[in-house]
Amino acid sequence: MSKVAPVFVLTHHAREPLEMKGGTTFNTVTDGIEAALAKAREAAGDRDVAIAGGAATVNQYVAAGLIDELRLHIAPAILGRGERLFESVGDIELRPVGDPWGTGLVTHVTYQVVR
């Protein structure tokens, strides 16, 4: 059985770690994207690290040059006004990796982020 990786939640409000049934532990990080990534990399060892979040989180990591590959899961639902993806991220190029695929109403696409 493989060890469950911890989850690091980027937030402005510190909380005690929350362990869920099944072994996943959610840890809050209040000192920025670099600190959250450093903690995730330390916990991952030689495994890949995945960053999940909305447009604001993705934009921060892309602007800082900290994302190599971007996986987007697109659903035709509009919630409020939403936030713009790729807002203020600088000059980047997105190269498709593989073919898009879908499941019901969701389309999944993967891009390599090139600076």
Protein backbone atom coordinates (compact mmCIF):
# COMPACT_ATOMS: atom_id res chain seq x y z
CA MET A 1 0.00 0.00 0.00
CA SER A 2 1.41 3.43 -0.94
CA LYS A 3 1.78 6.23 1.56
CA VAL A 4 -0.80 9.01 1.24
CA ALA A 5 0.83 12.34 0.39
CA PRO A 6 0.00 15.29 2.63
CA VAL A 7 -1.87 18.26 1.18
CA PHE A 8 -0.65 21.83 1.74
CA VAL A 9 -3.38 24.46 1.58
CA LEU A 10 -2.33 28.00 0.67
CA THR A 11 -4.36 30.36 2.87
CA HIS A 12 -4.31 33.54 4.93
CA HIS A 13 -5.84 31.75 7.95
CA ALA A 14 -3.66 29.28 9.87
CA ARG A 15 -5.36 26.18 11.24
CA GLU A 16 -4.24 22.98 12.91
CA PRO A 17 -3.53 20.07 10.52
CA LEU A 18 -6.68 18.13 9.65
CA GLU A 19 -6.31 14.37 9.21
CA MET A 20 -9.02 12.71 7.17
CA LYS A 21 -10.24 9.13 7.17
CA GLY A 22 -7.94 7.29 4.80
CA GLY A 23 -4.81 9.09 5.95
CA THR A 24 -4.73 12.35 3.98
CA THR A 25 -3.63 15.26 6.15
CA PHE A 26 -4.43 18.86 5.15
CA ASN A 27 -1.84 21.40 6.37
CA THR A 28 -2.34 25.14 6.03
CA VAL A 29 0.51 27.34 4.77
CA THR A 30 0.25 31.08 5.37
CA ASP A 31 3.67 32.30 4.24
CA GLY A 32 3.22 32.24 0.47
CA ILE A 33 3.44 30.10 -2.63
CA GLU A 34 7.16 29.41 -2.37
CA ALA A 35 6.80 28.10 1.19
CA ALA A 36 3.86 25.88 0.22
CA LEU A 37 5.82 24.47 -2.72
CA ALA A 38 8.94 23.88 -0.60
CA LYS A 39 6.90 21.93 1.97
CA ALA A 40 5.22 19.89 -0.77
CA ARG A 41 8.56 19.11 -2.44
CA GLU A 42 10.08 18.05 0.88
CA ALA A 43 7.13 15.74 1.58
CA ALA A 44 7.18 14.34 -1.99
CA GLY A 45 10.86 13.43 -2.01
CA ASP A 46 11.63 12.27 -5.56
CA ARG A 47 7.95 12.15 -6.61
CA ASP A 48 6.14 14.85 -8.61
CA VAL A 49 4.27 17.65 -6.86
CA ALA A 50 0.81 18.73 -8.03
CA ILE A 51 -0.61 22.18 -7.37
CA ALA A 52 -4.39 22.44 -7.37
CA GLY A 53 -6.40 25.60 -7.11
CA GLY A 54 -8.36 28.26 -8.83
CA ALA A 55 -7.24 30.97 -11.21
CA ALA A 56 -5.64 33.16 -8.50
CA THR A 57 -3.45 30.30 -7.27
CA VAL A 58 -2.49 29.16 -10.77
CA ASN A 59 -1.70 32.74 -11.83
CA GLN A 60 0.64 33.23 -8.86
CA TYR A 61 2.59 30.04 -9.59
CA VAL A 62 2.75 30.66 -13.37
CA ALA A 63 3.89 34.29 -12.86
CA ALA A 64 6.64 33.07 -10.50
CA GLY A 65 7.81 30.51 -13.09
CA LEU A 66 7.08 27.60 -10.76
CA ILE A 67 4.84 25.49 -13.02
CA ASP A 68 6.31 23.17 -15.68
CA GLU A 69 3.08 21.52 -16.78
CA LEU A 70 -0.47 22.79 -16.55
CA ARG A 71 -3.51 20.51 -16.54
CA LEU A 72 -6.81 22.27 -17.07
CA HIS A 73 -10.18 20.66 -16.42
CA ILE A 74 -12.77 22.77 -18.22
CA ALA A 75 -16.49 22.60 -17.47
CA PRO A 76 -19.16 24.84 -19.03
CA ALA A 77 -20.33 26.33 -15.74
CA ILE A 78 -20.14 29.99 -14.82
CA LEU A 79 -20.03 30.73 -11.10
CA GLY A 80 -20.39 34.44 -10.44
CA ARG A 81 -18.00 36.59 -12.45
CA GLY A 82 -15.07 34.29 -11.82
CA GLU A 83 -11.37 35.11 -12.02
CA ARG A 84 -9.34 35.32 -15.21
CA LEU A 85 -6.79 32.59 -15.84
CA PHE A 86 -3.41 33.86 -17.13
CA GLU A 87 -4.01 37.37 -15.75
CA SER A 88 -0.66 39.17 -15.14
CA VAL A 89 1.48 36.05 -15.66
CA GLY A 90 3.98 37.61 -18.07
CA ASP A 91 5.05 36.31 -21.46
CA ILE A 92 4.48 32.55 -21.58
CA GLU A 93 3.86 29.95 -24.25
CA LEU A 94 1.64 26.92 -23.71
CA ARG A 95 2.55 23.84 -25.76
CA PRO A 96 -0.07 21.09 -25.90
CA VAL A 97 0.98 17.76 -24.38
CA GLY A 98 -1.01 14.85 -25.76
CA ASP A 99 -4.58 15.14 -26.97
CA PRO A 100 -7.50 16.71 -25.10
CA TRP A 101 -9.98 14.21 -23.73
CA GLY A 102 -13.35 14.47 -22.11
CA THR A 103 -15.61 12.89 -19.55
CA GLY A 104 -19.21 14.00 -19.87
CA LEU A 105 -19.24 17.79 -19.76
CA VAL A 106 -15.59 18.17 -18.70
CA THR A 107 -12.70 18.60 -21.14
CA HIS A 108 -9.16 17.83 -19.92
CA VAL A 109 -6.13 19.46 -21.56
CA THR A 110 -2.44 19.45 -20.62
CA TYR A 111 0.15 22.07 -21.57
CA GLN A 112 3.88 22.45 -21.07
CA VAL A 113 4.57 25.97 -19.76
CA VAL A 114 7.44 27.60 -21.67
CA ARG A 115 9.05 30.93 -20.77
